[in-house]
Amino acid sequence: MFEYQFTELPKKGYRCIGIDLRGFGDSDKPWEGYNYDTMADDLRAVLDTLNLQNVVLVGFSMGGAIAIHYMARHKGTGISKLALLGAAAPCFTKREDFPYGIDKAAVDDLIHQTYTDRPAMLKNFSEIFFANPQKLSPEFKIWNLGLGLAASAYATIQCAIELRDADLRRDLATIHIPTLILHGVDDHVCLFDLARAMHDSIKGSQLISIEKAGHGFYYEEKEKVNTELVGFID
């Protein structure tokens, strides 16, 4: 997913370490552990095993929610800066005291589609992932679909449930390091109001709007994203 960051940032001298969440990519696909507690612990295991310090932690979408929960659960151990890209936080879905995010019924529908026809669900989901899907090459669409198909169906479902139900509002107050929030203005997956909510609750955070871009702004506006990340890391 971050191919177009990982080909550029090392040119600036940065070491980039990508983590496939359990159930996705090249990681193992166990039956359990698809919750923010366990996935934050997975992140800690990677940091400890590689003896990483002074890390700029970049979390996208659900990865942003996991990064936020890591800061609370593990007290930000090893992390010097935090970048939240289209983060699915503090609540991915609406609730009585949180009028932002998408409706829980929309997530329920995605879960149902995953049970019945996961490839079709992923193809349909990719159409709202980008603000201008018509500008994407057919080959890119095939590649992007392949990322989702490589995941475990069970992991996809369980992560959708965690996204739907989790509430990380209390976690935001635990973040006391420089934090950059990048968010697509036309994001139809993690609505832009979520970025404002995070910005309001993370003291000293910086919010940068990515105009005319959707959830997949890391590709749609890759040059701007890379420039902002480099400026933030420096």
C-alpha atoms as a PDB file:
ATOM      1  CA  MET A   1       0.000   0.000   0.000  1.00  0.00           C
ATOM      2  CA  PHE A   2       2.833   2.421   0.843  1.00  0.00           C
ATOM      3  CA  GLU A   3       4.908   1.457  -2.181  1.00  0.00           C
ATOM      4  CA  TYR A   4       5.015   5.061  -3.377  1.00  0.00           C
ATOM      5  CA  GLN A   5       6.320   6.227  -0.027  1.00  0.00           C
ATOM      6  CA  PHE A   6       8.813   3.403   0.404  1.00  0.00           C
ATOM      7  CA  THR A   7      10.410   4.128  -2.970  1.00  0.00           C
ATOM      8  CA  GLU A   8      10.915   7.808  -2.115  1.00  0.00           C
ATOM      9  CA  LEU A   9      11.601   8.276   1.609  1.00  0.00           C
ATOM     10  CA  PRO A  10      14.746   6.112   1.663  1.00  0.00           C
ATOM     11  CA  LYS A  11      16.223   8.501  -0.923  1.00  0.00           C
ATOM     12  CA  LYS A  12      16.124  11.098   1.864  1.00  0.00           C
ATOM     13  CA  GLY A  13      18.031   8.792   4.181  1.00  0.00           C
ATOM     14  CA  TYR A  14      15.087   7.427   6.153  1.00  0.00           C
ATOM     15  CA  ARG A  15      14.782   3.801   7.165  1.00  0.00           C
ATOM     16  CA  CYS A  16      11.248   2.626   6.445  1.00  0.00           C
ATOM     17  CA  ILE A  17       9.821  -0.429   8.186  1.00  0.00           C
ATOM     18  CA  GLY A  18       6.397  -1.605   7.084  1.00  0.00           C
ATOM     19  CA  ILE A  19       4.196  -3.771   9.258  1.00  0.00           C
ATOM     20  CA  ASP A  20       1.549  -6.044   7.795  1.00  0.00           C
ATOM     21  CA  LEU A  21      -1.110  -6.426  10.463  1.00  0.00           C
ATOM     22  CA  ARG A  22      -1.907  -9.965  11.552  1.00  0.00           C
ATOM     23  CA  GLY A  23      -4.291 -11.451   9.024  1.00  0.00           C
ATOM     24  CA  PHE A  24      -3.051  -9.228   6.194  1.00  0.00           C
ATOM     25  CA  GLY A  25      -0.261  -9.168   3.626  1.00  0.00           C
ATOM     26  CA  ASP A  26       2.655 -11.447   4.429  1.00  0.00           C
ATOM     27  CA  SER A  27       1.885 -11.722   8.147  1.00  0.00           C
ATOM     28  CA  ASP A  28       0.486 -14.869   9.703  1.00  0.00           C
ATOM     29  CA  LYS A  29      -3.286 -15.206   9.684  1.00  0.00           C
ATOM     30  CA  PRO A  30      -4.253 -16.536  13.119  1.00  0.00           C
ATOM     31  CA  TRP A  31      -7.828 -17.045  14.269  1.00  0.00           C
ATOM     32  CA  GLU A  32      -7.615 -14.597  17.177  1.00  0.00           C
ATOM     33  CA  GLY A  33      -6.320 -11.172  18.095  1.00  0.00           C
ATOM     34  CA  TYR A  34      -8.179  -8.806  15.780  1.00  0.00           C
ATOM     35  CA  ASN A  35      -8.608  -6.045  18.322  1.00  0.00           C
ATOM     36  CA  TYR A  36      -6.712  -2.870  19.135  1.00  0.00           C
ATOM     37  CA  ASP A  37      -5.187  -4.261  22.325  1.00  0.00           C
ATOM     38  CA  THR A  38      -3.569  -7.215  20.566  1.00  0.00           C
ATOM     39  CA  MET A  39      -2.517  -5.291  17.484  1.00  0.00           C
ATOM     40  CA  ALA A  40      -0.932  -2.566  19.624  1.00  0.00           C
ATOM     41  CA  ASP A  41       0.935  -5.384  21.395  1.00  0.00           C
ATOM     42  CA  ASP A  42       2.018  -6.719  17.989  1.00  0.00           C
ATOM     43  CA  LEU A  43       3.450  -3.301  17.183  1.00  0.00           C
ATOM     44  CA  ARG A  44       5.320  -3.269  20.500  1.00  0.00           C
ATOM     45  CA  ALA A  45       6.763  -6.706  19.691  1.00  0.00           C
ATOM     46  CA  VAL A  46       8.157  -5.424  16.386  1.00  0.00           C
ATOM     47  CA  LEU A  47       9.669  -2.344  18.017  1.00  0.00           C
ATOM     48  CA  ASP A  48      11.242  -4.397  20.797  1.00  0.00           C
ATOM     49  CA  THR A  49      12.519  -7.170  18.537  1.00  0.00           C
ATOM     50  CA  LEU A  50      14.216  -4.698  16.175  1.00  0.00           C
ATOM     51  CA  ASN A  51      15.329  -2.522  19.117  1.00  0.00           C
ATOM     52  CA  LEU A  52      13.812   0.581  17.538  1.00  0.00           C
ATOM     53  CA  GLN A  53      13.983   3.956  19.254  1.00  0.00           C
ATOM     54  CA  ASN A  54      13.131   7.513  18.237  1.00  0.00           C
ATOM     55  CA  VAL A  55      10.584   6.214  15.734  1.00  0.00           C
ATOM     56  CA  VAL A  56       8.212   8.329  13.671  1.00  0.00           C
ATOM     57  CA  LEU A  57       5.110   6.142  13.775  1.00  0.00           C
ATOM     58  CA  VAL A  58       2.866   6.496  10.722  1.00  0.00           C
ATOM     59  CA  GLY A  59      -0.583   4.953  10.892  1.00  0.00           C
ATOM     60  CA  PHE A  60      -3.086   4.883   8.034  1.00  0.00           C
ATOM     61  CA  SER A  61      -6.817   4.177   8.426  1.00  0.00           C
ATOM     62  CA  MET A  62      -7.186   1.333  10.952  1.00  0.00           C
ATOM     63  CA  GLY A  63      -3.425   1.540  11.378  1.00  0.00           C
ATOM     64  CA  GLY A  64      -3.946   5.086  12.636  1.00  0.00           C
ATOM     65  CA  ALA A  65      -6.357   3.820  15.267  1.00  0.00           C
ATOM     66  CA  ILE A  66      -3.849   1.157  16.297  1.00  0.00           C
ATOM     67  CA  ALA A  67      -1.094   3.782  16.509  1.00  0.00           C
ATOM     68  CA  ILE A  68      -3.273   5.929  18.780  1.00  0.00           C
ATOM     69  CA  HIS A  69      -4.067   2.964  20.998  1.00  0.00           C
ATOM     70  CA  TYR A  70      -0.377   2.049  21.136  1.00  0.00           C
ATOM     71  CA  MET A  71       0.385   5.508  22.519  1.00  0.00           C
ATOM     72  CA  ALA A  72      -2.104   4.931  25.337  1.00  0.00           C
ATOM     73  CA  ARG A  73      -1.556   1.234  26.033  1.00  0.00           C
ATOM     74  CA  HIS A  74       2.255   1.290  25.822  1.00  0.00           C
ATOM     75  CA  LYS A  75       2.787   4.915  26.859  1.00  0.00           C
ATOM     76  CA  GLY A  76       4.352   5.766  23.511  1.00  0.00           C
ATOM     77  CA  THR A  77       7.449   3.652  24.159  1.00  0.00           C
ATOM     78  CA  GLY A  78      10.029   4.184  21.407  1.00  0.00           C
ATOM     79  CA  ILE A  79       7.963   6.778  19.541  1.00  0.00           C
ATOM     80  CA  SER A  80       9.176  10.369  19.058  1.00  0.00           C
ATOM     81  CA  LYS A  81       6.579  11.600  16.553  1.00  0.00           C
ATOM     82  CA  LEU A  82       3.180  10.405  15.358  1.00  0.00           C
ATOM     83  CA  ALA A  83       1.644  10.813  11.898  1.00  0.00           C
ATOM     84  CA  LEU A  84      -2.019   9.904  11.424  1.00  0.00           C
ATOM     85  CA  LEU A  85      -3.069   9.456   7.801  1.00  0.00           C
ATOM     86  CA  GLY A  86      -6.805   9.147   7.194  1.00  0.00           C
ATOM     87  CA  ALA A  87      -7.030   7.559  10.632  1.00  0.00           C
ATOM     88  CA  ALA A  88     -10.162   5.613  11.583  1.00  0.00           C
ATOM     89  CA  ALA A  89     -10.323   7.358  14.940  1.00  0.00           C
ATOM     90  CA  PRO A  90     -11.363   8.241  17.532  1.00  0.00           C
ATOM     91  CA  CYS A  91     -14.604   6.437  16.538  1.00  0.00           C
ATOM     92  CA  PHE A  92     -15.041   5.064  13.047  1.00  0.00           C
ATOM     93  CA  THR A  93     -18.823   5.041  13.376  1.00  0.00           C
ATOM     94  CA  LYS A  94     -21.447   7.394  14.742  1.00  0.00           C
ATOM     95  CA  ARG A  95     -22.941   7.004  18.206  1.00  0.00           C
ATOM     96  CA  GLU A  96     -25.310   9.032  20.362  1.00  0.00           C
ATOM     97  CA  ASP A  97     -22.583  11.281  21.769  1.00  0.00           C
ATOM     98  CA  PHE A  98     -20.388  11.259  18.641  1.00  0.00           C
ATOM     99  CA  PRO A  99     -22.194  12.466  15.498  1.00  0.00           C
ATOM    100  CA  TYR A 100     -19.242  11.906  13.145  1.00  0.00           C
ATOM    101  CA  GLY A 101     -18.068   8.920  11.144  1.00  0.00           C
ATOM    102  CA  ILE A 102     -20.226   6.563   9.100  1.00  0.00           C
ATOM    103  CA  ASP A 103     -23.328   4.690  10.197  1.00  0.00           C
ATOM    104  CA  LYS A 104     -22.812   1.337  11.885  1.00  0.00           C
ATOM    105  CA  ALA A 105     -25.271  -0.150   9.419  1.00  0.00           C
ATOM    106  CA  ALA A 106     -22.821   0.598   6.588  1.00  0.00           C
ATOM    107  CA  VAL A 107     -20.160  -1.502   8.329  1.00  0.00           C
ATOM    108  CA  ASP A 108     -22.694  -4.262   8.945  1.00  0.00           C
ATOM    109  CA  ASP A 109     -23.383  -4.254   5.220  1.00  0.00           C
ATOM    110  CA  LEU A 110     -19.663  -4.582   4.428  1.00  0.00           C
ATOM    111  CA  ILE A 111     -19.440  -7.525   6.827  1.00  0.00           C
ATOM    112  CA  HIS A 112     -22.440  -9.186   5.178  1.00  0.00           C
ATOM    113  CA  GLN A 113     -20.905  -8.667   1.729  1.00  0.00           C
ATOM    114  CA  THR A 114     -17.636 -10.178   2.950  1.00  0.00           C
ATOM    115  CA  TYR A 115     -19.479 -13.310   4.030  1.00  0.00           C
ATOM    116  CA  THR A 116     -21.299 -13.593   0.705  1.00  0.00           C
ATOM    117  CA  ASP A 117     -18.883 -12.301  -1.984  1.00  0.00           C
ATOM    118  CA  ARG A 118     -15.639 -10.866  -0.640  1.00  0.00           C
ATOM    119  CA  PRO A 119     -14.030 -10.082  -4.044  1.00  0.00           C
ATOM    120  CA  ALA A 120     -17.098  -8.082  -5.094  1.00  0.00           C
ATOM    121  CA  MET A 121     -17.141  -6.282  -1.736  1.00  0.00           C
ATOM    122  CA  LEU A 122     -13.500  -5.285  -2.152  1.00  0.00           C
ATOM    123  CA  LYS A 123     -14.035  -4.107  -5.717  1.00  0.00           C
ATOM    124  CA  ASN A 124     -17.047  -2.011  -4.693  1.00  0.00           C
ATOM    125  CA  PHE A 125     -15.221  -0.671  -1.635  1.00  0.00           C
ATOM    126  CA  SER A 126     -12.289   0.420  -3.797  1.00  0.00           C
ATOM    127  CA  GLU A 127     -14.669   2.627  -5.796  1.00  0.00           C
ATOM    128  CA  ILE A 128     -15.235   4.849  -2.743  1.00  0.00           C
ATOM    129  CA  PHE A 129     -11.631   4.516  -1.547  1.00  0.00           C
ATOM    130  CA  PHE A 130     -10.373   7.100  -4.036  1.00  0.00           C
ATOM    131  CA  ALA A 131     -11.914  10.470  -4.852  1.00  0.00           C
ATOM    132  CA  ASN A 132     -11.386  10.024  -8.590  1.00  0.00           C
ATOM    133  CA  PRO A 133     -11.263   6.298  -9.371  1.00  0.00           C
ATOM    134  CA  GLN A 134     -11.737   7.052 -13.056  1.00  0.00           C
ATOM    135  CA  LYS A 135      -8.218   8.509 -13.089  1.00  0.00           C
ATOM    136  CA  LEU A 136      -6.644   5.269 -11.884  1.00  0.00           C
ATOM    137  CA  SER A 137      -5.171   2.912 -14.445  1.00  0.00           C
ATOM    138  CA  PRO A 138      -6.801  -0.514 -14.868  1.00  0.00           C
ATOM    139  CA  GLU A 139      -3.509  -2.052 -13.771  1.00  0.00           C
ATOM    140  CA  PHE A 140      -3.455  -0.018 -10.555  1.00  0.00           C
ATOM    141  CA  LYS A 141      -6.977  -1.130  -9.760  1.00  0.00           C
ATOM    142  CA  ILE A 142      -5.963  -4.772 -10.198  1.00  0.00           C
ATOM    143  CA  TRP A 143      -2.943  -4.255  -7.927  1.00  0.00           C
ATOM    144  CA  ASN A 144      -5.013  -2.455  -5.300  1.00  0.00           C
ATOM    145  CA  LEU A 145      -7.671  -5.170  -5.334  1.00  0.00           C
ATOM    146  CA  GLY A 146      -4.945  -7.760  -4.892  1.00  0.00           C
ATOM    147  CA  LEU A 147      -3.923  -6.174  -1.585  1.00  0.00           C
ATOM    148  CA  GLY A 148      -7.369  -6.834  -0.174  1.00  0.00           C
ATOM    149  CA  LEU A 149      -7.658 -10.316  -1.651  1.00  0.00           C
ATOM    150  CA  ALA A 150      -4.372 -11.306   0.014  1.00  0.00           C
ATOM    151  CA  ALA A 151      -5.965 -10.826   3.424  1.00  0.00           C
ATOM    152  CA  SER A 152      -7.749 -13.448   5.460  1.00  0.00           C
ATOM    153  CA  ALA A 153     -11.522 -13.255   5.073  1.00  0.00           C
ATOM    154  CA  TYR A 154     -11.913 -13.861   8.795  1.00  0.00           C
ATOM    155  CA  ALA A 155      -9.417 -11.090   9.624  1.00  0.00           C
ATOM    156  CA  THR A 156     -11.293  -8.724   7.313  1.00  0.00           C
ATOM    157  CA  ILE A 157     -14.553  -9.420   9.119  1.00  0.00           C
ATOM    158  CA  GLN A 158     -13.130  -9.221  12.635  1.00  0.00           C
ATOM    159  CA  CYS A 159     -11.295  -5.977  11.891  1.00  0.00           C
ATOM    160  CA  ALA A 160     -14.510  -4.494  10.520  1.00  0.00           C
ATOM    161  CA  ILE A 161     -16.222  -5.395  13.800  1.00  0.00           C
ATOM    162  CA  GLU A 162     -13.443  -3.718  15.808  1.00  0.00           C
ATOM    163  CA  LEU A 163     -13.631  -0.638  13.595  1.00  0.00           C
ATOM    164  CA  ARG A 164     -17.381  -0.488  14.066  1.00  0.00           C
ATOM    165  CA  ASP A 165     -17.408  -0.850  17.843  1.00  0.00           C
ATOM    166  CA  ALA A 166     -14.167   0.622  19.239  1.00  0.00           C
ATOM    167  CA  ASP A 167     -13.991   4.027  20.949  1.00  0.00           C
ATOM    168  CA  LEU A 168     -10.556   5.622  21.336  1.00  0.00           C
ATOM    169  CA  ARG A 169     -11.593   9.057  22.553  1.00  0.00           C
ATOM    170  CA  ARG A 170      -9.899   8.598  25.926  1.00  0.00           C
ATOM    171  CA  ASP A 171      -6.676   7.543  24.220  1.00  0.00           C
ATOM    172  CA  LEU A 172      -6.256  10.873  22.440  1.00  0.00           C
ATOM    173  CA  ALA A 173      -5.498  12.725  25.678  1.00  0.00           C
ATOM    174  CA  THR A 174      -2.494  10.459  26.305  1.00  0.00           C
ATOM    175  CA  ILE A 175      -0.636  11.734  23.229  1.00  0.00           C
ATOM    176  CA  HIS A 176       1.998  14.330  24.133  1.00  0.00           C
ATOM    177  CA  ILE A 177       4.423  14.138  21.229  1.00  0.00           C
ATOM    178  CA  PRO A 178       4.446  16.077  17.922  1.00  0.00           C
ATOM    179  CA  THR A 179       1.505  14.781  15.901  1.00  0.00           C
ATOM    180  CA  LEU A 180       0.717  15.353  12.233  1.00  0.00           C
ATOM    181  CA  ILE A 181      -2.786  14.644  10.939  1.00  0.00           C
ATOM    182  CA  LEU A 182      -3.124  14.254   7.159  1.00  0.00           C
ATOM    183  CA  HIS A 183      -6.640  13.653   5.874  1.00  0.00           C
ATOM    184  CA  GLY A 184      -8.367  13.752   2.506  1.00  0.00           C
ATOM    185  CA  VAL A 185     -11.140  16.329   2.376  1.00  0.00           C
ATOM    186  CA  ASP A 186     -13.244  14.046   0.157  1.00  0.00           C
ATOM    187  CA  ASP A 187     -12.645  10.921   2.240  1.00  0.00           C
ATOM    188  CA  HIS A 188     -15.824   8.798   2.165  1.00  0.00           C
ATOM    189  CA  VAL A 189     -14.401   6.019   4.344  1.00  0.00           C
ATOM    190  CA  CYS A 190     -12.996   7.968   7.300  1.00  0.00           C
ATOM    191  CA  LEU A 191     -14.909  11.208   7.043  1.00  0.00           C
ATOM    192  CA  PHE A 192     -12.986  14.471   7.402  1.00  0.00           C
ATOM    193  CA  ASP A 193     -14.864  15.325  10.602  1.00  0.00           C
ATOM    194  CA  LEU A 194     -12.804  12.587  12.265  1.00  0.00           C
ATOM    195  CA  ALA A 195      -9.651  14.565  11.501  1.00  0.00           C
ATOM    196  CA  ARG A 196     -11.118  17.631  13.184  1.00  0.00           C
ATOM    197  CA  ALA A 197     -12.089  15.565  16.226  1.00  0.00           C
ATOM    198  CA  MET A 198      -8.546  14.189  16.530  1.00  0.00           C
ATOM    199  CA  HIS A 199      -7.027  17.622  16.035  1.00  0.00           C
ATOM    200  CA  ASP A 200      -9.246  19.100  18.753  1.00  0.00           C
ATOM    201  CA  SER A 201      -8.304  16.373  21.241  1.00  0.00           C
ATOM    202  CA  ILE A 202      -4.560  15.939  20.592  1.00  0.00           C
ATOM    203  CA  LYS A 203      -2.828  18.899  22.165  1.00  0.00           C
ATOM    204  CA  GLY A 204      -0.503  20.725  19.773  1.00  0.00           C
ATOM    205  CA  SER A 205      -1.355  18.547  16.788  1.00  0.00           C
ATOM    206  CA  GLN A 206      -1.110  19.842  13.232  1.00  0.00           C
ATOM    207  CA  LEU A 207      -3.941  19.160  10.782  1.00  0.00           C
ATOM    208  CA  ILE A 208      -3.234  19.342   7.055  1.00  0.00           C
ATOM    209  CA  SER A 209      -6.138  18.941   4.659  1.00  0.00           C
ATOM    210  CA  ILE A 210      -5.467  17.095   1.415  1.00  0.00           C
ATOM    211  CA  GLU A 211      -7.761  18.794  -1.073  1.00  0.00           C
ATOM    212  CA  LYS A 212      -9.637  16.902  -3.798  1.00  0.00           C
ATOM    213  CA  ALA A 213      -8.496  13.558  -2.412  1.00  0.00           C
ATOM    214  CA  GLY A 214     -10.251  10.633  -0.795  1.00  0.00           C
ATOM    215  CA  HIS A 215      -9.189   7.913   1.620  1.00  0.00           C
ATOM    216  CA  GLY A 216      -6.476   6.798  -0.782  1.00  0.00           C
ATOM    217  CA  PHE A 217      -4.765  10.195  -0.770  1.00  0.00           C
ATOM    218  CA  TYR A 218      -1.420   8.493  -0.077  1.00  0.00           C
ATOM    219  CA  TYR A 219      -1.524   7.616  -3.797  1.00  0.00           C
ATOM    220  CA  GLU A 220      -3.776  10.304  -5.276  1.00  0.00           C
ATOM    221  CA  GLU A 221      -1.573  13.050  -3.799  1.00  0.00           C
ATOM    222  CA  LYS A 222       1.579  11.041  -3.196  1.00  0.00           C
ATOM    223  CA  GLU A 223       3.977  13.895  -3.914  1.00  0.00           C
ATOM    224  CA  LYS A 224       2.276  16.156  -1.364  1.00  0.00           C
ATOM    225  CA  VAL A 225       2.033  13.358   1.186  1.00  0.00           C
ATOM    226  CA  ASN A 226       5.717  12.499   0.789  1.00  0.00           C
ATOM    227  CA  THR A 227       6.710  16.156   1.078  1.00  0.00           C
ATOM    228  CA  GLU A 228       4.643  16.614   4.235  1.00  0.00           C
ATOM    229  CA  LEU A 229       6.037  13.450   5.793  1.00  0.00           C
ATOM    230  CA  VAL A 230       9.624  14.466   5.054  1.00  0.00           C
ATOM    231  CA  GLY A 231       9.030  17.923   6.509  1.00  0.00           C
ATOM    232  CA  PHE A 232       7.474  16.410   9.604  1.00  0.00           C
ATOM    233  CA  ILE A 233      10.227  13.836  10.120  1.00  0.00           C
ATOM    234  CA  ASP A 234      12.907  16.518   9.841  1.00  0.00           C
END
